[in-house]
Amino acid sequence: MSSDDPKDLAVLYAIASLAASAADATSAQSRVLTAIMAAFPADSGSLALLSPETGGLEICVQQGLPPDVGDFILKPGQGITGWVALHGKPLLVADVAAEPRYISARAGVRCEMAAPLIFDGRTIGIVNLDADRLGAFSADDLARLARYAAEAGTVLHRLWQYERLRANSKQLTTLVELGHALVAQLAPEELLSTLTQSGRALFSARLCLLHDYDEERRELRLHAWSADGDLSAAGLALQQQTVSADLSLLAAAIRSGRATEFQNIDGPGYREAADLPRDRSLCSALAVPLILEGQPAGVLSVFHGELHRFSDDEKRLFTALGSFAAVALQNARLYARVFQSEEVLRKNETLTTLGLLAAEIAHEIRNPLLVIKLLHGTLGMDFAEDDPRRRDLQVITEKIEQLESLVSRVLSFGRTPAALHSRWALAEILDDTLVLLRAKLAQAGVELHYTAPARALLVEGNKGQLQQVILNLALNSLHAMPHGGELTVACTEETSALGRVVQLDLTDTGAGIPESIRPRIFESFLSGRADGTGLGLAIARRIMKDHHGELTLLNSSSRGTTMRVTLPLSSA
């Protein structure tokens, strides 16, 4: 039959149209076989593909064969279809009984022909037809089958490319979403949980693990994991384990420095590894090292429930995901450090507050004590030597002097020693302080607007106390914006009565300070919050006075509040 025959063209068109009409390659395979079988006097047929994992011919779709024929796998060179796969040429056997290469898949077959599915000169599968009548197929039929198979190979390969592009698009979308999630989330456990869930979804895996690596101790510790429901017990069993790198299978990725594949971990050599889940349904695994500043920081791994050969694209994608994981791990560590630093700063703030409060109380005691001392000295009570009141007067004098000495020591303690003052770049103080506020700003839904000064502005002072003032003002702004808002930090250089100064304005979009208490906000023990102590602004102003600066309320309304910190600039 000529290739111009209408029936021949109809079959070729039916196969070619699948490239546009088929939902996926799997459904197209069945429709290809149906169209081809309808063109010949065939009693059964199959379409088999060469498996990249096993290298064998695996039947994908069949008609007229026993149900268990899917387990019938031939290697290239075995049987008629294996010979066709090995040589890439069609083959017709008019009488299978006379063919020593024939391997029976169904009783009653007398005639068989097969043709390779070829794309770009490479055999990717086989179409095989059987007939129960001797000589049912002709050489012309074999030529037609070869044309149909060639067209089918092109169509199926194109559909696989479409599926691959769709999968890549989905994976890219997932990576972008994951990148946004890593930026948006700050809590370490949420970060790492999101990452392992994404890793499992990206690869349709049953399990995804993330291990920390302690290079000094050479230990792996399971930090986060995501698993199918039936694997939860296995994951929990490993959750608190710390494993020596020498006993770890996944540590091979750290030793190699690249993606490491384990095609079949269901064996005694693998199952003895201390870091693998005790679940025999897991078959294949892929692990990548997490690298931070050139040093290994952990391992990310995924596990499949069936034998799976990871493609180069999958390895590249998982390596990219590993880079995300390394960033997430670093964020988690930095987040923990920020909270530790914040806790230390909070303790220092408490001690500073107590010291300044004690100094303020001592200052208030000193004035009446001075009056008592002066009046006591002018009373002129000269008692006789044997008068007991003379001894009482001496005791009173001693105690007044003792109290005066105690008050002086407290006042000295409350003052910041000049030796603790250093020259600091204001930008450095602000940057370090705003890092501590990052988590609280995100949790409160407050957007920060801050631009560093255009040039280095140097101030003299105690960095910790200046940070305390800025933190206090910023936290007051956060409390004023319980439903989120904006906090703007702006620096300007001006000339005032103090000379060259820098003015630091903190502006929020909160509800403002009640008008009734605005004139008294810097008084001790005045607070507008139920949980406030009323010491914050009073102590902040005291600190600014100790630094020869000022703290003022610039303005406040229902649209927000602006507090201004003024500090003299240090001469270079």
Protein backbone atom coordinates (compact mmCIF):
# COMPACT_ATOMS: atom_id res chain seq x y z
CA MET A 1 0.00 0.00 0.00
CA SER A 2 1.35 3.42 -0.94
CA SER A 3 1.93 6.06 1.73
CA ASP A 4 -0.54 8.17 -0.30
CA ASP A 5 -3.33 5.67 0.33
CA PRO A 6 -6.26 7.45 2.07
CA LYS A 7 -6.50 4.72 4.74
CA ASP A 8 -2.78 5.01 5.41
CA LEU A 9 -3.01 8.79 5.64
CA ALA A 10 -6.03 8.53 7.96
CA VAL A 11 -4.06 6.42 10.46
CA LEU A 12 -1.05 8.74 10.28
CA TYR A 13 -3.32 11.75 10.80
CA ALA A 14 -5.04 10.09 13.77
CA ILE A 15 -1.65 9.47 15.38
CA ALA A 16 -0.26 12.93 14.57
CA SER A 17 -3.35 14.70 15.92
CA LEU A 18 -2.71 13.20 19.34
CA ALA A 19 0.11 15.70 19.82
CA ALA A 20 -2.55 18.40 20.16
CA SER A 21 -5.58 16.48 21.44
CA ALA A 22 -4.18 13.98 23.98
CA ALA A 23 -4.30 15.02 27.61
CA ASP A 24 -0.97 13.35 28.32
CA ALA A 25 1.45 10.77 26.96
CA THR A 26 -0.16 7.90 28.89
CA SER A 27 -3.59 8.38 27.30
CA ALA A 28 -1.93 8.93 23.90
CA GLN A 29 -0.18 5.54 24.14
CA SER A 30 -3.52 3.74 24.40
CA ARG A 31 -5.02 5.70 21.49
CA VAL A 32 -1.93 5.06 19.32
CA LEU A 33 -2.25 1.32 19.84
CA THR A 34 -6.00 1.40 19.10
CA ALA A 35 -5.47 3.33 15.83
CA ILE A 36 -2.68 0.99 14.69
CA MET A 37 -4.51 -2.23 15.54
CA ALA A 38 -7.60 -1.04 13.65
CA ALA A 39 -5.49 -0.82 10.47
CA PHE A 40 -4.42 -4.51 10.55
CA PRO A 41 -6.00 -7.95 11.06
CA ALA A 42 -4.45 -8.19 14.52
CA ASP A 43 -5.88 -10.22 17.42
CA SER A 44 -3.65 -8.67 20.09
CA GLY A 45 -1.08 -5.96 20.36
CA SER A 46 1.09 -4.02 22.76
CA LEU A 47 3.14 -0.86 23.05
CA ALA A 48 6.29 -1.20 25.15
CA LEU A 49 8.80 1.48 26.15
CA LEU A 50 12.45 1.16 27.06
CA SER A 51 12.73 1.90 30.78
CA PRO A 52 15.61 4.23 31.73
CA GLU A 53 15.67 2.62 35.19
CA THR A 54 15.83 -1.07 34.20
CA GLY A 55 16.88 -0.82 30.55
CA GLY A 56 14.18 -3.37 29.68
CA LEU A 57 11.08 -3.23 27.47
CA GLU A 58 8.10 -2.62 29.72
CA ILE A 59 4.58 -2.99 28.28
CA CYS A 60 2.66 0.26 28.86
CA VAL A 61 -0.61 -0.56 27.06
CA GLN A 62 -1.96 -3.73 25.49
CA GLN A 63 -5.07 -5.15 23.88
CA GLY A 64 -6.01 -8.83 23.75
CA LEU A 65 -3.19 -10.02 26.02
CA PRO A 66 -3.50 -11.60 29.50
CA PRO A 67 -3.92 -9.09 32.38
CA ASP A 68 -0.58 -10.02 33.93
CA VAL A 69 1.36 -9.28 30.76
CA GLY A 70 2.54 -6.03 32.36
CA ASP A 71 5.03 -8.11 34.35
CA PHE A 72 6.42 -9.46 31.05
CA ILE A 73 9.71 -7.53 30.65
CA LEU A 74 12.22 -8.28 27.89
CA LYS A 75 15.73 -6.93 27.65
CA PRO A 76 17.00 -5.65 24.28
CA GLY A 77 17.89 -8.70 22.21
CA GLN A 78 15.38 -11.04 23.89
CA GLY A 79 12.48 -12.29 21.78
CA ILE A 80 11.18 -10.63 18.65
CA THR A 81 10.43 -7.28 20.29
CA GLY A 82 13.81 -7.33 22.06
CA TRP A 83 15.56 -7.93 18.73
CA VAL A 84 13.71 -4.99 17.17
CA ALA A 85 14.64 -2.77 20.14
CA LEU A 86 18.30 -3.76 19.91
CA HIS A 87 18.66 -3.30 16.14
CA GLY A 88 16.14 -0.50 15.58
CA LYS A 89 14.61 -2.32 12.59
CA PRO A 90 11.07 -3.69 11.98
CA LEU A 91 10.63 -7.48 11.87
CA LEU A 92 7.91 -9.76 10.46
CA VAL A 93 7.59 -13.41 11.54
CA ALA A 94 4.99 -15.17 9.40
CA ASP A 95 5.12 -18.35 11.52
CA VAL A 96 6.23 -17.91 15.13
CA ALA A 97 6.52 -21.68 15.57
CA ALA A 98 9.50 -21.64 13.21
CA GLU A 99 11.18 -18.66 14.90
CA PRO A 100 13.64 -19.60 17.70
CA ARG A 101 13.68 -16.01 19.01
CA TYR A 102 9.93 -16.03 19.68
CA ILE A 103 8.81 -15.81 23.33
CA SER A 104 5.11 -16.42 23.88
CA ALA A 105 3.01 -13.92 25.80
CA ARG A 106 -0.35 -15.43 24.71
CA ALA A 107 -1.33 -18.89 23.56
CA GLY A 108 -2.65 -19.20 20.01
CA VAL A 109 -0.41 -16.59 18.37
CA ARG A 110 0.79 -17.75 14.91
CA CYS A 111 2.05 -14.56 13.25
CA GLU A 112 3.80 -11.49 14.71
CA MET A 113 5.33 -8.25 13.54
CA ALA A 114 7.00 -5.40 15.43
CA ALA A 115 8.40 -1.98 14.59
CA PRO A 116 10.54 0.41 16.65
CA LEU A 117 9.36 3.77 17.99
CA ILE A 118 12.24 6.00 16.96
CA PHE A 119 12.97 9.62 17.74
CA ASP A 120 16.10 11.46 16.66
CA GLY A 121 17.70 8.19 15.58
CA ARG A 122 17.18 6.55 18.97
CA THR A 123 14.81 3.67 19.76
CA ILE A 124 12.47 4.60 22.60
CA GLY A 125 9.96 1.73 22.37
CA ILE A 126 8.26 -0.96 20.29
CA VAL A 127 4.82 -1.52 18.73
CA ASN A 128 4.02 -5.23 18.47
CA LEU A 129 1.03 -6.91 16.74
CA ASP A 130 -0.04 -10.58 16.94
CA ALA A 131 -2.42 -12.63 14.78
CA ASP A 132 -3.85 -16.12 15.29
CA ARG A 133 -3.58 -16.92 11.56
CA LEU A 134 -0.40 -17.95 9.74
CA GLY A 135 0.88 -15.28 7.39
CA ALA A 136 -1.73 -12.78 8.56
CA PHE A 137 0.69 -9.87 7.98
CA SER A 138 2.56 -9.01 4.77
CA ALA A 139 5.74 -7.14 3.98
CA ASP A 140 3.56 -4.19 2.96
CA ASP A 141 1.89 -4.34 6.37
CA LEU A 142 5.31 -4.26 8.02
CA ALA A 143 6.27 -1.14 6.03
CA ARG A 144 3.02 0.56 7.05
CA LEU A 145 3.58 -0.42 10.70
CA ALA A 146 7.08 1.07 10.54
CA ARG A 147 5.63 4.38 9.27
CA TYR A 148 2.97 4.41 11.98
CA ALA A 149 5.55 3.59 14.65
CA ALA A 150 7.86 6.37 13.45
CA GLU A 151 5.02 8.90 13.66
CA ALA A 152 4.00 7.54 17.06
CA GLY A 153 7.57 7.92 18.33
CA THR A 154 7.62 11.58 17.30
CA VAL A 155 4.20 12.26 18.86
CA LEU A 156 4.97 10.51 22.15
CA HIS A 157 8.33 12.25 22.48
CA ARG A 158 6.65 15.60 21.87
CA LEU A 159 4.03 14.84 24.52
CA TRP A 160 6.77 13.84 26.96
CA GLN A 161 8.46 17.17 26.24
CA TYR A 162 5.19 18.99 26.94
CA GLU A 163 4.82 17.09 30.21
CA ARG A 164 8.40 17.86 31.10
CA LEU A 165 7.86 21.56 30.38
CA ARG A 166 4.68 21.53 32.47
CA ALA A 167 6.54 19.80 35.28
CA ASN A 168 9.42 22.27 35.00
CA SER A 169 6.96 25.16 35.05
CA LYS A 170 5.30 23.74 38.14
CA GLN A 171 8.66 23.21 39.79
CA LEU A 172 9.78 26.73 38.93
CA THR A 173 6.53 28.13 40.32
CA THR A 174 7.05 26.11 43.48
CA LEU A 175 10.61 27.40 43.80
CA VAL A 176 9.47 31.01 43.37
CA GLU A 177 6.69 30.52 45.93
CA LEU A 178 9.18 28.88 48.25
CA GLY A 179 11.52 31.83 47.83
CA HIS A 180 8.72 34.21 48.80
CA ALA A 181 7.84 31.99 51.77
CA LEU A 182 11.43 31.97 52.98
CA VAL A 183 11.53 35.76 52.85
CA ALA A 184 8.12 36.18 54.51
CA GLN A 185 8.56 33.64 57.30
CA LEU A 186 10.99 34.26 60.12
CA ALA A 187 10.22 31.56 62.67
CA PRO A 188 12.85 28.82 62.16
CA GLU A 189 10.49 25.87 62.52
CA GLU A 190 8.02 27.36 60.01
CA LEU A 191 10.84 28.05 57.55
CA LEU A 192 12.23 24.54 57.62
CA SER A 193 8.81 22.88 57.69
CA THR A 194 7.79 24.83 54.57
CA LEU A 195 11.01 23.81 52.87
CA THR A 196 10.69 20.07 53.53
CA GLN A 197 7.02 20.11 52.50
CA SER A 198 7.99 21.83 49.24
CA GLY A 199 10.79 19.33 48.66
CA ARG A 200 8.43 16.40 49.04
CA ALA A 201 5.82 18.02 46.76
CA LEU A 202 8.37 18.94 44.07
CA PHE A 203 9.51 15.35 43.66
CA SER A 204 6.27 13.54 44.54
CA ALA A 205 8.32 11.88 47.26
CA ARG A 206 7.15 10.05 50.36
CA LEU A 207 9.66 11.65 52.70
CA CYS A 208 11.89 14.73 52.87
CA LEU A 209 14.50 15.20 55.61
CA LEU A 210 16.68 18.15 56.58
CA HIS A 211 19.71 17.47 58.78
CA ASP A 212 22.01 19.96 60.53
CA TYR A 213 25.71 19.18 60.35
CA ASP A 214 28.10 19.96 63.20
CA GLU A 215 31.52 19.97 61.55
CA GLU A 216 33.43 20.12 64.82
CA ARG A 217 31.68 17.04 66.23
CA ARG A 218 31.12 15.45 62.81
CA GLU A 219 27.47 14.81 63.63
CA LEU A 220 24.18 15.02 61.74
CA ARG A 221 21.01 16.01 63.59
CA LEU A 222 17.53 15.76 62.10
CA HIS A 223 16.12 19.29 62.20
CA ALA A 224 12.94 19.10 60.08
CA TRP A 225 11.00 16.57 58.04
CA SER A 226 7.85 16.10 55.97
CA ALA A 227 6.31 12.68 55.35
CA ASP A 228 3.26 10.78 54.20
CA GLY A 229 0.87 9.96 57.00
CA ASP A 230 1.95 6.34 57.20
CA LEU A 231 5.58 7.44 57.56
CA SER A 232 4.96 9.75 60.51
CA ALA A 233 6.05 7.16 63.03
CA ALA A 234 9.33 6.63 61.17
CA GLY A 235 9.99 10.35 61.11
CA LEU A 236 9.19 10.79 64.79
CA ALA A 237 11.53 7.94 65.65
CA LEU A 238 14.37 9.90 64.06
CA GLN A 239 13.39 13.37 65.15
CA GLN A 240 15.68 13.56 68.20
CA GLN A 241 18.49 11.43 66.80
CA THR A 242 22.01 12.71 66.44
CA VAL A 243 24.10 10.51 64.16
CA SER A 244 27.84 10.36 63.64
CA ALA A 245 28.78 11.28 60.08
CA ASP A 246 30.82 8.07 59.91
CA LEU A 247 27.63 6.01 60.45
CA SER A 248 25.44 8.14 58.22
CA LEU A 249 24.43 7.25 54.67
CA LEU A 250 23.31 10.79 53.86
CA ALA A 251 26.68 12.21 54.93
CA ALA A 252 27.99 10.84 51.62
CA ALA A 253 26.59 14.03 50.06
CA ILE A 254 28.81 16.10 52.38
CA ARG A 255 31.86 14.00 51.57
CA SER A 256 31.26 14.24 47.81
CA GLY A 257 30.15 17.88 47.88
CA ARG A 258 27.39 17.26 45.31
CA ALA A 259 24.02 15.56 44.78
CA THR A 260 24.31 11.88 45.69
CA GLU A 261 21.83 9.28 44.45
CA PHE A 262 20.91 5.96 46.07
CA GLN A 263 18.82 3.99 43.57
CA ASN A 264 17.97 1.11 45.90
CA ILE A 265 18.36 1.46 49.66
CA ASP A 266 16.44 -1.74 50.35
CA GLY A 267 19.49 -3.81 51.19
CA PRO A 268 21.57 -4.78 54.25
CA GLY A 269 24.38 -2.43 53.28
CA TYR A 270 22.00 0.52 53.40
CA ARG A 271 19.45 -0.48 56.02
CA GLU A 272 22.15 -0.56 58.70
CA ALA A 273 22.75 3.19 58.23
CA ALA A 274 21.77 5.00 61.43
CA ASP A 275 20.10 7.95 59.72
CA LEU A 276 17.61 6.06 57.50
CA PRO A 277 13.95 5.62 58.51
CA ARG A 278 13.02 2.09 59.53
CA ASP A 279 10.53 1.69 56.69
CA ARG A 280 11.17 -0.90 54.01
CA SER A 281 8.74 0.75 51.60
CA LEU A 282 11.34 3.45 50.88
CA CYS A 283 13.43 2.44 47.86
CA SER A 284 15.33 5.33 46.28
CA ALA A 285 16.88 8.46 47.76
CA LEU A 286 18.62 11.65 46.66
CA ALA A 287 20.71 13.81 49.01
CA VAL A 288 22.39 17.19 48.49
CA PRO A 289 24.80 19.01 50.81
CA LEU A 290 23.85 22.40 52.24
CA ILE A 291 26.79 24.76 51.82
CA LEU A 292 27.21 28.02 53.75
CA GLU A 293 30.24 30.20 53.05
CA GLY A 294 32.03 27.25 51.51
CA GLN A 295 31.46 24.97 54.51
CA PRO A 296 28.94 22.08 54.87
CA ALA A 297 26.01 23.03 57.10
CA GLY A 298 23.63 20.11 56.58
CA VAL A 299 21.98 17.67 54.19
CA LEU A 300 18.62 17.78 52.39
CA SER A 301 17.23 14.45 51.18
CA VAL A 302 14.11 12.98 49.54
CA PHE A 303 12.92 9.37 49.46
CA HIS A 304 10.70 7.58 46.91
CA GLY A 305 8.49 4.60 47.61
CA GLU A 306 9.51 2.86 44.37
CA LEU A 307 12.70 2.37 42.41
CA HIS A 308 13.49 5.68 40.76
CA ARG A 309 16.42 6.93 38.72
CA PHE A 310 16.85 10.65 39.32
CA SER A 311 17.43 12.58 36.10
CA ASP A 312 20.06 15.28 35.72
CA ASP A 313 17.25 17.86 35.72
CA GLU A 314 15.96 16.51 39.04
CA LYS A 315 19.44 16.63 40.52
CA ARG A 316 19.91 20.23 39.37
CA LEU A 317 16.51 21.19 40.76
CA PHE A 318 17.19 19.50 44.08
CA THR A 319 20.57 21.22 44.27
CA ALA A 320 18.76 24.56 43.80
CA LEU A 321 16.35 23.56 46.55
CA GLY A 322 19.37 22.73 48.69
CA SER A 323 20.60 26.29 48.19
CA PHE A 324 17.23 27.53 49.47
CA ALA A 325 17.57 25.15 52.41
CA ALA A 326 21.04 26.50 53.22
CA VAL A 327 19.64 30.04 53.27
CA ALA A 328 16.71 28.91 55.43
CA LEU A 329 19.09 27.19 57.83
CA GLN A 330 21.22 30.32 58.04
CA ASN A 331 18.09 32.41 58.62
CA ALA A 332 17.06 30.05 61.40
CA ARG A 333 20.45 30.40 63.07
CA LEU A 334 20.51 34.18 62.68
CA TYR A 335 16.94 34.35 63.98
CA ALA A 336 18.00 32.44 67.09
CA ARG A 337 20.97 34.78 67.56
CA VAL A 338 18.73 37.82 67.22
CA PHE A 339 16.47 36.53 69.98
CA GLN A 340 19.49 35.77 72.16
CA SER A 341 20.86 39.27 71.55
CA GLU A 342 17.46 40.76 72.24
CA GLU A 343 17.25 38.84 75.50
CA VAL A 344 20.70 40.07 76.56
CA LEU A 345 19.77 43.62 75.61
CA ARG A 346 16.51 43.32 77.54
CA LYS A 347 18.41 42.20 80.65
CA ASN A 348 20.88 45.05 80.23
CA GLU A 349 17.98 47.43 79.80
CA THR A 350 16.45 46.16 83.03
CA LEU A 351 19.72 46.66 84.90
CA THR A 352 20.15 50.12 83.40
CA THR A 353 16.58 50.99 84.32
CA LEU A 354 17.13 49.86 87.90
CA GLY A 355 20.35 51.85 88.10
CA LEU A 356 18.77 55.00 86.72
CA LEU A 357 15.69 54.55 88.88
CA ALA A 358 17.88 54.16 91.95
CA ALA A 359 19.77 57.29 90.96
CA GLU A 360 16.53 59.21 90.51
CA ILE A 361 15.26 58.10 93.92
CA ALA A 362 18.63 58.92 95.49
CA HIS A 363 18.51 62.35 93.87
CA GLU A 364 15.07 62.97 95.39
CA ILE A 365 16.31 61.79 98.81
CA ARG A 366 19.48 63.90 98.73
CA ASN A 367 17.69 67.27 98.79
CA PRO A 368 15.62 66.69 101.96
CA LEU A 369 18.63 64.93 103.50
CA LEU A 370 20.74 68.03 102.85
CA VAL A 371 18.10 70.19 104.55
CA ILE A 372 18.04 67.86 107.57
CA LYS A 373 21.84 68.01 107.82
CA LEU A 374 21.92 71.81 107.64
CA LEU A 375 19.16 72.28 110.20
CA HIS A 376 20.69 69.70 112.48
CA GLY A 377 23.99 71.54 112.42
CA THR A 378 22.39 74.85 113.40
CA LEU A 379 20.30 73.59 116.31
CA GLY A 380 23.11 74.40 118.73
CA MET A 381 22.16 71.72 121.22
CA ASP A 382 25.18 71.54 123.58
CA PHE A 383 24.46 68.84 126.12
CA ALA A 384 26.51 67.95 129.18
CA GLU A 385 29.01 65.12 128.95
CA ASP A 386 26.85 62.83 131.07
CA ASP A 387 23.62 63.70 129.27
CA PRO A 388 22.42 60.63 127.22
CA ARG A 389 21.03 62.99 124.57
CA ARG A 390 24.62 63.98 123.71
CA ARG A 391 25.29 60.37 122.64
CA ASP A 392 21.99 60.28 120.70
CA LEU A 393 22.99 63.44 118.85
CA GLN A 394 26.31 61.87 117.85
CA VAL A 395 24.50 58.80 116.49
CA ILE A 396 22.11 61.01 114.49
CA THR A 397 25.06 62.91 113.01
CA GLU A 398 26.82 59.67 112.06
CA LYS A 399 23.69 58.25 110.40
CA ILE A 400 23.06 61.45 108.44
CA GLU A 401 26.63 61.29 107.12
CA GLN A 402 26.19 57.57 106.40
CA LEU A 403 22.99 58.26 104.42
CA GLU A 404 24.71 61.09 102.56
CA SER A 405 27.57 58.77 101.61
CA LEU A 406 25.13 56.09 100.46
CA VAL A 407 23.18 58.56 98.31
CA SER A 408 26.42 59.80 96.74
CA ARG A 409 27.49 56.24 95.89
CA VAL A 410 24.10 55.48 94.31
CA LEU A 411 24.25 58.66 92.25
CA SER A 412 27.77 57.79 91.10
CA PHE A 413 26.62 54.29 90.15
CA GLY A 414 23.65 55.65 88.19
CA ARG A 415 25.85 57.93 86.10
CA THR A 416 27.44 56.44 83.01
CA PRO A 417 31.23 56.63 83.41
CA ALA A 418 32.84 58.72 80.72
CA ALA A 419 35.19 55.79 80.08
CA LEU A 420 32.23 53.84 78.67
CA HIS A 421 31.54 56.51 76.06
CA SER A 422 33.03 55.89 72.64
CA ARG A 423 32.73 57.37 69.20
CA TRP A 424 30.13 55.54 67.09
CA ALA A 425 28.69 55.89 63.62
CA LEU A 426 24.99 56.56 64.09
CA ALA A 427 24.21 54.30 61.09
CA GLU A 428 25.89 51.38 62.88
CA ILE A 429 23.85 51.95 66.05
CA LEU A 430 20.64 52.16 64.01
CA ASP A 431 21.43 49.10 61.87
CA ASP A 432 22.21 46.94 64.91
CA THR A 433 19.07 48.14 66.69
CA LEU A 434 16.73 47.64 63.72
CA VAL A 435 18.01 44.07 63.27
CA LEU A 436 16.75 43.36 66.78
CA LEU A 437 13.37 44.82 65.84
CA ARG A 438 12.99 42.87 62.59
CA ALA A 439 11.10 39.93 64.07
CA LYS A 440 8.77 42.11 66.13
CA LEU A 441 8.01 44.35 63.15
CA ALA A 442 7.11 41.32 61.01
CA GLN A 443 4.94 39.81 63.74
CA ALA A 444 3.13 43.12 64.26
CA GLY A 445 2.59 43.68 60.53
CA VAL A 446 4.51 46.97 60.66
CA GLU A 447 6.43 48.10 57.57
CA LEU A 448 9.75 49.82 58.27
CA HIS A 449 10.96 52.77 56.18
CA TYR A 450 14.59 53.64 56.83
CA THR A 451 17.34 55.12 54.70
CA ALA A 452 20.84 55.25 56.14
CA PRO A 453 22.46 58.71 56.38
CA ALA A 454 24.20 59.82 53.20
CA ARG A 455 27.46 60.36 55.10
CA ALA A 456 28.95 58.99 58.29
CA LEU A 457 27.49 60.82 61.30
CA LEU A 458 29.64 60.23 64.39
CA VAL A 459 28.30 60.60 67.93
CA GLU A 460 29.91 60.20 71.36
CA GLY A 461 28.13 57.94 73.81
CA ASN A 462 27.33 54.59 75.31
CA LYS A 463 26.12 52.41 72.44
CA GLY A 464 23.98 50.17 74.65
CA GLN A 465 22.15 53.11 76.23
CA LEU A 466 21.56 54.81 72.89
CA GLN A 467 20.18 51.54 71.52
CA GLN A 468 17.94 51.35 74.60
CA VAL A 469 16.46 54.77 73.79
CA ILE A 470 15.79 53.85 70.14
CA LEU A 471 14.33 50.46 71.10
CA ASN A 472 12.07 52.06 73.69
CA LEU A 473 10.71 54.58 71.18
CA ALA A 474 10.25 51.93 68.48
CA LEU A 475 8.47 49.53 70.84
CA ASN A 476 6.17 52.35 71.96
CA SER A 477 5.31 52.86 68.27
CA LEU A 478 4.58 49.14 67.84
CA HIS A 479 2.22 49.20 70.82
CA ALA A 480 0.45 52.16 69.19
CA MET A 481 -0.15 50.10 66.01
CA PRO A 482 -1.76 46.82 67.18
CA HIS A 483 -3.22 46.18 63.71
CA GLY A 484 -0.09 47.02 61.74
CA GLY A 485 1.08 50.22 60.11
CA GLU A 486 4.27 52.01 59.15
CA LEU A 487 7.32 53.11 61.12
CA THR A 488 9.60 55.69 59.51
CA VAL A 489 13.11 56.39 60.82
CA ALA A 490 14.73 59.51 59.37
CA CYS A 491 18.07 61.24 60.09
CA THR A 492 18.85 64.89 59.38
CA GLU A 493 21.92 66.97 60.14
CA GLU A 494 21.18 70.43 61.60
CA THR A 495 22.70 73.34 63.48
CA SER A 496 21.16 74.19 66.86
CA ALA A 497 22.04 75.75 70.19
CA LEU A 498 24.05 72.59 70.85
CA GLY A 499 26.11 73.15 67.69
CA ARG A 500 26.14 70.61 64.87
CA VAL A 501 23.60 67.94 65.76
CA VAL A 502 21.85 64.97 64.22
CA GLN A 503 18.08 64.76 64.57
CA LEU A 504 16.64 61.25 64.55
CA ASP A 505 12.86 61.20 64.00
CA LEU A 506 10.74 58.09 64.62
CA THR A 507 7.27 58.46 63.08
CA ASP A 508 4.49 55.90 63.39
CA THR A 509 0.94 55.70 62.01
CA GLY A 510 -0.67 54.78 65.31
CA ALA A 511 -3.56 56.36 67.16
CA GLY A 512 -1.38 58.99 68.81
CA ILE A 513 -0.76 59.97 72.44
CA PRO A 514 -3.87 61.11 74.35
CA GLU A 515 -3.85 64.89 74.50
CA SER A 516 -4.42 64.89 78.25
CA ILE A 517 -1.08 63.24 79.03
CA ARG A 518 1.14 64.71 76.30
CA PRO A 519 2.62 67.42 78.58
CA ARG A 520 3.58 64.77 81.16
CA ILE A 521 4.85 61.85 79.06
CA PHE A 522 8.42 62.24 80.36
CA GLU A 523 7.38 62.07 84.02
CA SER A 524 8.28 58.97 85.99
CA PHE A 525 5.55 56.36 86.56
CA LEU A 526 3.26 57.89 83.94
CA SER A 527 2.05 55.26 81.48
CA GLY A 528 -0.70 55.18 78.89
CA ARG A 529 -0.71 51.35 78.82
CA ALA A 530 -2.20 48.98 81.33
CA ASP A 531 1.00 46.89 81.36
CA GLY A 532 3.37 49.87 81.34
CA THR A 533 5.61 51.02 84.20
CA GLY A 534 5.84 54.65 83.17
CA LEU A 535 9.64 54.58 83.36
CA GLY A 536 10.53 54.17 79.67
CA LEU A 537 10.37 57.74 78.38
CA ALA A 538 11.57 59.22 81.66
CA ILE A 539 14.69 57.07 81.61
CA ALA A 540 15.16 57.60 77.87
CA ARG A 541 15.18 61.37 78.43
CA ARG A 542 17.60 60.92 81.35
CA ILE A 543 19.95 58.96 79.08
CA MET A 544 19.76 61.68 76.44
CA LYS A 545 20.64 64.35 79.03
CA ASP A 546 23.65 62.26 80.09
CA HIS A 547 24.68 62.33 76.41
CA HIS A 548 24.18 66.13 76.17
CA GLY A 549 21.23 65.51 73.87
CA GLU A 550 17.46 65.91 73.90
CA LEU A 551 14.36 63.74 73.58
CA THR A 552 11.21 65.58 72.52
CA LEU A 553 7.68 64.90 71.34
CA LEU A 554 7.61 66.59 67.95
CA ASN A 555 3.90 66.01 67.20
CA SER A 556 1.09 63.57 67.87
CA SER A 557 -2.40 63.17 66.43
CA SER A 558 -4.88 60.49 65.42
CA ARG A 559 -2.72 59.92 62.33
CA GLY A 560 0.43 59.09 64.27
CA THR A 561 3.25 60.31 66.48
CA THR A 562 6.77 61.62 65.86
CA MET A 563 9.44 61.46 68.57
CA ARG A 564 12.75 63.27 68.02
CA VAL A 565 16.16 62.30 69.39
CA THR A 566 18.79 65.04 69.14
CA LEU A 567 22.48 64.24 69.63
CA PRO A 568 25.54 66.46 69.23
CA LEU A 569 27.82 65.35 66.42
CA SER A 570 31.34 64.39 67.31
CA SER A 571 34.13 66.27 65.57
CA ALA A 572 36.09 63.97 63.27
